[in-house]
Each structure stands twice: as structure tokens, then as C-alpha cells.
Amino acid sequence: MRVIDLIGRQHTPLKGKHMGIEDAVNKGKDLFEQNKDKIAEAVKSEQAEDISDKVLDGVADFAKKIAPGAADKIDEIRDGADKAVGNE
């Protein structure tokens, strides 16, 4: 078997997979556009606030353990992210 034959055979399945991913991304975009009001409402909900606070606190605590000298900057970034999610 020639190298060109191998390359051609490997390329064809990848091309098919790429189109599947592209289709999935486009469907995701369509679903987002159709439901963006509901998504925005969910992101600003009390439940999202509670979950995001727990996640952001955990990430901030972890980052402070890795870079204790950057605690003030980490808190600043955490607070900025918190304002983007939830209702507080």
C-alpha cells in the first residue's frame, strides 16, 4: 500500500467527523437563538447564584493555595465573575 493511499483513507473519515461536529455546533447555535431569553433568565436565577457562588469560591480558594501572593487579585476576578452570573 502506498503512503498516499493511507493518507487518503485517513483523511476521508476525519472529513466526515468534522461535518458532524459542524452540524452539532450549528444546531447548538440554533437552540441558543431560539431559547436565549430563557437561558438569560436561568443565568440570573437564585439557583444559578447559589451554584455559581459555590463554584467561584472553590476556584478562588484553590487559586489562592497555588498563588497566595495574588489573593487580592483573585478576589477581584472572583467578584467580577460573580456579577456576571446569578442575581446578586
N, C-alpha and C. Protein backbone atom coordinates (compact mmCIF):
# COMPACT_ATOMS: atom_id res chain seq x y z
N MET A 1 0.85 -1.17 0.00
CA MET A 1 0.00 0.00 0.00
C MET A 1 0.90 1.24 0.00
N ARG A 2 0.53 2.20 -0.78
CA ARG A 2 1.32 3.42 -0.88
C ARG A 2 0.94 4.40 0.24
N VAL A 3 1.86 5.27 0.58
CA VAL A 3 1.63 6.28 1.62
C VAL A 3 0.45 7.16 1.24
N ILE A 4 0.35 7.51 -0.02
CA ILE A 4 -0.75 8.36 -0.49
C ILE A 4 -2.08 7.67 -0.22
N ASP A 5 -2.15 6.37 -0.44
CA ASP A 5 -3.39 5.64 -0.17
C ASP A 5 -3.75 5.72 1.31
N LEU A 6 -2.76 5.58 2.19
CA LEU A 6 -3.01 5.66 3.63
C LEU A 6 -3.51 7.04 4.03
N ILE A 7 -2.87 8.05 3.50
CA ILE A 7 -3.27 9.43 3.83
C ILE A 7 -4.69 9.69 3.35
N GLY A 8 -4.99 9.26 2.14
CA GLY A 8 -6.33 9.45 1.60
C GLY A 8 -7.39 8.75 2.43
N ARG A 9 -7.09 7.56 2.89
CA ARG A 9 -8.05 6.81 3.70
C ARG A 9 -8.23 7.44 5.08
N GLN A 10 -7.18 7.98 5.63
CA GLN A 10 -7.29 8.61 6.94
C GLN A 10 -8.03 9.94 6.84
N HIS A 11 -7.84 10.63 5.75
CA HIS A 11 -8.43 11.96 5.62
C HIS A 11 -9.95 11.89 5.43
N THR A 12 -10.43 10.93 4.70
CA THR A 12 -11.85 10.84 4.41
C THR A 12 -12.70 10.70 5.68
N PRO A 13 -12.38 9.76 6.62
CA PRO A 13 -13.20 9.67 7.83
C PRO A 13 -13.15 10.94 8.67
N LEU A 14 -11.99 11.59 8.73
CA LEU A 14 -11.89 12.81 9.52
C LEU A 14 -12.77 13.90 8.95
N LYS A 15 -12.84 13.95 7.62
CA LYS A 15 -13.68 14.96 6.99
C LYS A 15 -15.14 14.74 7.38
N GLY A 16 -15.56 13.49 7.41
CA GLY A 16 -16.93 13.17 7.80
C GLY A 16 -17.21 13.54 9.24
N LYS A 17 -16.27 13.29 10.13
CA LYS A 17 -16.44 13.65 11.54
C LYS A 17 -16.51 15.16 11.70
N HIS A 18 -15.71 15.87 10.94
CA HIS A 18 -15.71 17.33 11.03
C HIS A 18 -17.09 17.87 10.67
N MET A 19 -17.69 17.33 9.66
CA MET A 19 -19.02 17.80 9.27
C MET A 19 -20.03 17.49 10.37
N GLY A 20 -19.89 16.37 11.07
CA GLY A 20 -20.79 16.05 12.17
C GLY A 20 -20.66 17.05 13.30
N ILE A 21 -19.44 17.44 13.61
CA ILE A 21 -19.20 18.43 14.65
C ILE A 21 -19.77 19.78 14.22
N GLU A 22 -19.55 20.12 12.97
CA GLU A 22 -20.07 21.39 12.46
C GLU A 22 -21.60 21.43 12.54
N ASP A 23 -22.23 20.31 12.19
CA ASP A 23 -23.69 20.23 12.29
C ASP A 23 -24.15 20.39 13.73
N ALA A 24 -23.44 19.75 14.66
CA ALA A 24 -23.80 19.84 16.08
C ALA A 24 -23.65 21.28 16.58
N VAL A 25 -22.57 21.93 16.18
CA VAL A 25 -22.36 23.33 16.58
C VAL A 25 -23.48 24.21 16.04
N ASN A 26 -23.83 24.00 14.79
CA ASN A 26 -24.91 24.80 14.19
C ASN A 26 -26.24 24.56 14.89
N LYS A 27 -26.53 23.31 15.25
CA LYS A 27 -27.76 23.01 15.98
C LYS A 27 -27.74 23.69 17.35
N GLY A 28 -26.56 23.68 17.98
CA GLY A 28 -26.42 24.35 19.27
C GLY A 28 -26.68 25.84 19.15
N LYS A 29 -26.14 26.43 18.12
CA LYS A 29 -26.38 27.86 17.88
C LYS A 29 -27.86 28.14 17.67
N ASP A 30 -28.51 27.29 16.88
CA ASP A 30 -29.94 27.46 16.63
C ASP A 30 -30.74 27.34 17.92
N LEU A 31 -30.43 26.32 18.73
CA LEU A 31 -31.13 26.16 20.00
C LEU A 31 -30.91 27.35 20.91
N PHE A 32 -29.69 27.86 20.94
CA PHE A 32 -29.41 29.04 21.76
C PHE A 32 -30.25 30.23 21.29
N GLU A 33 -30.27 30.46 20.00
CA GLU A 33 -31.03 31.60 19.47
C GLU A 33 -32.52 31.47 19.79
N GLN A 34 -33.03 30.26 19.71
CA GLN A 34 -34.45 30.04 19.98
C GLN A 34 -34.80 30.19 21.46
N ASN A 35 -33.82 29.98 22.32
CA ASN A 35 -34.08 29.96 23.77
C ASN A 35 -33.26 30.97 24.56
N LYS A 36 -32.69 31.97 23.91
CA LYS A 36 -31.78 32.87 24.62
C LYS A 36 -32.46 33.65 25.74
N ASP A 37 -33.74 33.94 25.63
CA ASP A 37 -34.44 34.63 26.72
C ASP A 37 -34.55 33.73 27.95
N LYS A 38 -34.89 32.45 27.72
CA LYS A 38 -34.98 31.50 28.83
C LYS A 38 -33.61 31.26 29.46
N ILE A 39 -32.58 31.21 28.63
CA ILE A 39 -31.22 30.99 29.12
C ILE A 39 -30.78 32.18 29.97
N ALA A 40 -31.04 33.38 29.49
CA ALA A 40 -30.68 34.58 30.24
C ALA A 40 -31.40 34.62 31.59
N GLU A 41 -32.66 34.22 31.59
CA GLU A 41 -33.44 34.18 32.83
C GLU A 41 -32.85 33.15 33.80
N ALA A 42 -32.48 31.99 33.29
CA ALA A 42 -31.89 30.94 34.14
C ALA A 42 -30.55 31.37 34.72
N VAL A 43 -29.75 32.07 33.93
CA VAL A 43 -28.44 32.52 34.40
C VAL A 43 -28.59 33.54 35.52
N LYS A 44 -29.67 34.28 35.52
CA LYS A 44 -29.90 35.31 36.54
C LYS A 44 -30.77 34.82 37.70
N SER A 45 -30.97 33.52 37.80
CA SER A 45 -31.85 32.98 38.84
C SER A 45 -31.13 32.82 40.18
N GLU A 46 -31.91 32.62 41.23
CA GLU A 46 -31.36 32.39 42.57
C GLU A 46 -30.56 31.09 42.61
N GLN A 47 -31.06 30.07 41.92
CA GLN A 47 -30.35 28.79 41.88
C GLN A 47 -28.98 28.95 41.21
N ALA A 48 -28.93 29.69 40.12
CA ALA A 48 -27.65 29.93 39.45
C ALA A 48 -26.71 30.71 40.36
N GLU A 49 -27.27 31.64 41.12
CA GLU A 49 -26.45 32.42 42.06
C GLU A 49 -25.82 31.51 43.12
N ASP A 50 -26.61 30.64 43.69
CA ASP A 50 -26.09 29.72 44.72
C ASP A 50 -25.00 28.81 44.16
N ILE A 51 -25.27 28.23 43.00
CA ILE A 51 -24.29 27.32 42.39
C ILE A 51 -23.03 28.06 42.01
N SER A 52 -23.19 29.22 41.38
CA SER A 52 -22.01 29.96 40.93
C SER A 52 -21.18 30.43 42.12
N ASP A 53 -21.82 30.82 43.21
CA ASP A 53 -21.06 31.22 44.40
C ASP A 53 -20.19 30.08 44.91
N LYS A 54 -20.76 28.89 44.97
CA LYS A 54 -20.00 27.73 45.45
C LYS A 54 -18.83 27.41 44.51
N VAL A 55 -19.10 27.43 43.22
CA VAL A 55 -18.04 27.13 42.25
C VAL A 55 -16.95 28.21 42.29
N LEU A 56 -17.36 29.46 42.27
CA LEU A 56 -16.37 30.54 42.28
C LEU A 56 -15.56 30.56 43.57
N ASP A 57 -16.21 30.30 44.70
CA ASP A 57 -15.48 30.23 45.97
C ASP A 57 -14.45 29.11 45.95
N GLY A 58 -14.84 27.96 45.42
CA GLY A 58 -13.92 26.83 45.34
C GLY A 58 -12.73 27.11 44.44
N VAL A 59 -13.00 27.69 43.29
CA VAL A 59 -11.92 28.03 42.36
C VAL A 59 -11.00 29.09 42.97
N ALA A 60 -11.58 30.09 43.61
CA ALA A 60 -10.78 31.15 44.22
C ALA A 60 -9.92 30.59 45.35
N ASP A 61 -10.48 29.72 46.18
CA ASP A 61 -9.70 29.11 47.26
C ASP A 61 -8.54 28.29 46.71
N PHE A 62 -8.81 27.53 45.67
CA PHE A 62 -7.76 26.73 45.03
C PHE A 62 -6.67 27.63 44.47
N ALA A 63 -7.06 28.69 43.78
CA ALA A 63 -6.08 29.62 43.18
C ALA A 63 -5.23 30.29 44.26
N LYS A 64 -5.84 30.60 45.39
CA LYS A 64 -5.09 31.23 46.49
C LYS A 64 -4.07 30.27 47.08
N LYS A 65 -4.36 28.97 47.07
CA LYS A 65 -3.39 27.98 47.56
C LYS A 65 -2.19 27.89 46.62
N ILE A 66 -2.47 28.03 45.33
CA ILE A 66 -1.40 27.95 44.34
C ILE A 66 -0.59 29.25 44.31
N ALA A 67 -1.27 30.38 44.42
CA ALA A 67 -0.61 31.69 44.33
C ALA A 67 -1.08 32.58 45.47
N PRO A 68 -0.61 32.29 46.70
CA PRO A 68 -1.09 33.05 47.86
C PRO A 68 -0.79 34.55 47.77
N GLY A 69 0.22 34.92 47.05
CA GLY A 69 0.56 36.34 46.92
C GLY A 69 -0.40 37.12 46.05
N ALA A 70 -1.27 36.42 45.34
CA ALA A 70 -2.21 37.07 44.43
C ALA A 70 -3.63 37.05 44.96
N ALA A 71 -3.80 36.88 46.26
CA ALA A 71 -5.13 36.73 46.85
C ALA A 71 -6.05 37.92 46.53
N ASP A 72 -5.53 39.13 46.59
CA ASP A 72 -6.37 40.30 46.31
C ASP A 72 -6.86 40.29 44.86
N LYS A 73 -5.97 39.97 43.93
CA LYS A 73 -6.35 39.93 42.51
C LYS A 73 -7.34 38.80 42.26
N ILE A 74 -7.12 37.66 42.92
CA ILE A 74 -8.03 36.52 42.77
C ILE A 74 -9.42 36.89 43.25
N ASP A 75 -9.51 37.58 44.39
CA ASP A 75 -10.82 38.02 44.90
C ASP A 75 -11.49 39.00 43.94
N GLU A 76 -10.69 39.87 43.35
CA GLU A 76 -11.22 40.84 42.39
C GLU A 76 -11.80 40.13 41.16
N ILE A 77 -11.08 39.15 40.66
CA ILE A 77 -11.55 38.39 39.50
C ILE A 77 -12.80 37.58 39.87
N ARG A 78 -12.80 36.97 41.04
CA ARG A 78 -13.94 36.20 41.51
C ARG A 78 -15.19 37.07 41.60
N ASP A 79 -15.03 38.26 42.16
CA ASP A 79 -16.17 39.18 42.30
C ASP A 79 -16.70 39.63 40.94
N GLY A 80 -15.79 39.86 40.00
CA GLY A 80 -16.21 40.25 38.66
C GLY A 80 -17.00 39.14 37.97
N ALA A 81 -16.53 37.90 38.13
CA ALA A 81 -17.23 36.76 37.54
C ALA A 81 -18.59 36.58 38.22
N ASP A 82 -18.65 36.79 39.51
CA ASP A 82 -19.91 36.63 40.26
C ASP A 82 -20.98 37.60 39.79
N LYS A 83 -20.58 38.78 39.39
CA LYS A 83 -21.54 39.76 38.91
C LYS A 83 -22.18 39.34 37.59
N ALA A 84 -21.48 38.50 36.83
CA ALA A 84 -21.98 38.08 35.51
C ALA A 84 -23.00 36.96 35.60
N VAL A 85 -23.04 36.25 36.74
CA VAL A 85 -23.93 35.09 36.89
C VAL A 85 -24.78 35.24 38.13
N GLY A 86 -26.02 34.87 38.04
CA GLY A 86 -26.89 34.92 39.21
C GLY A 86 -27.63 36.24 39.31
N ASN A 87 -28.17 36.49 40.49
CA ASN A 87 -29.00 37.68 40.65
C ASN A 87 -28.48 38.64 41.72
N GLU A 88 -27.29 38.42 42.23
CA GLU A 88 -26.74 39.34 43.22
C GLU A 88 -25.46 39.97 42.73
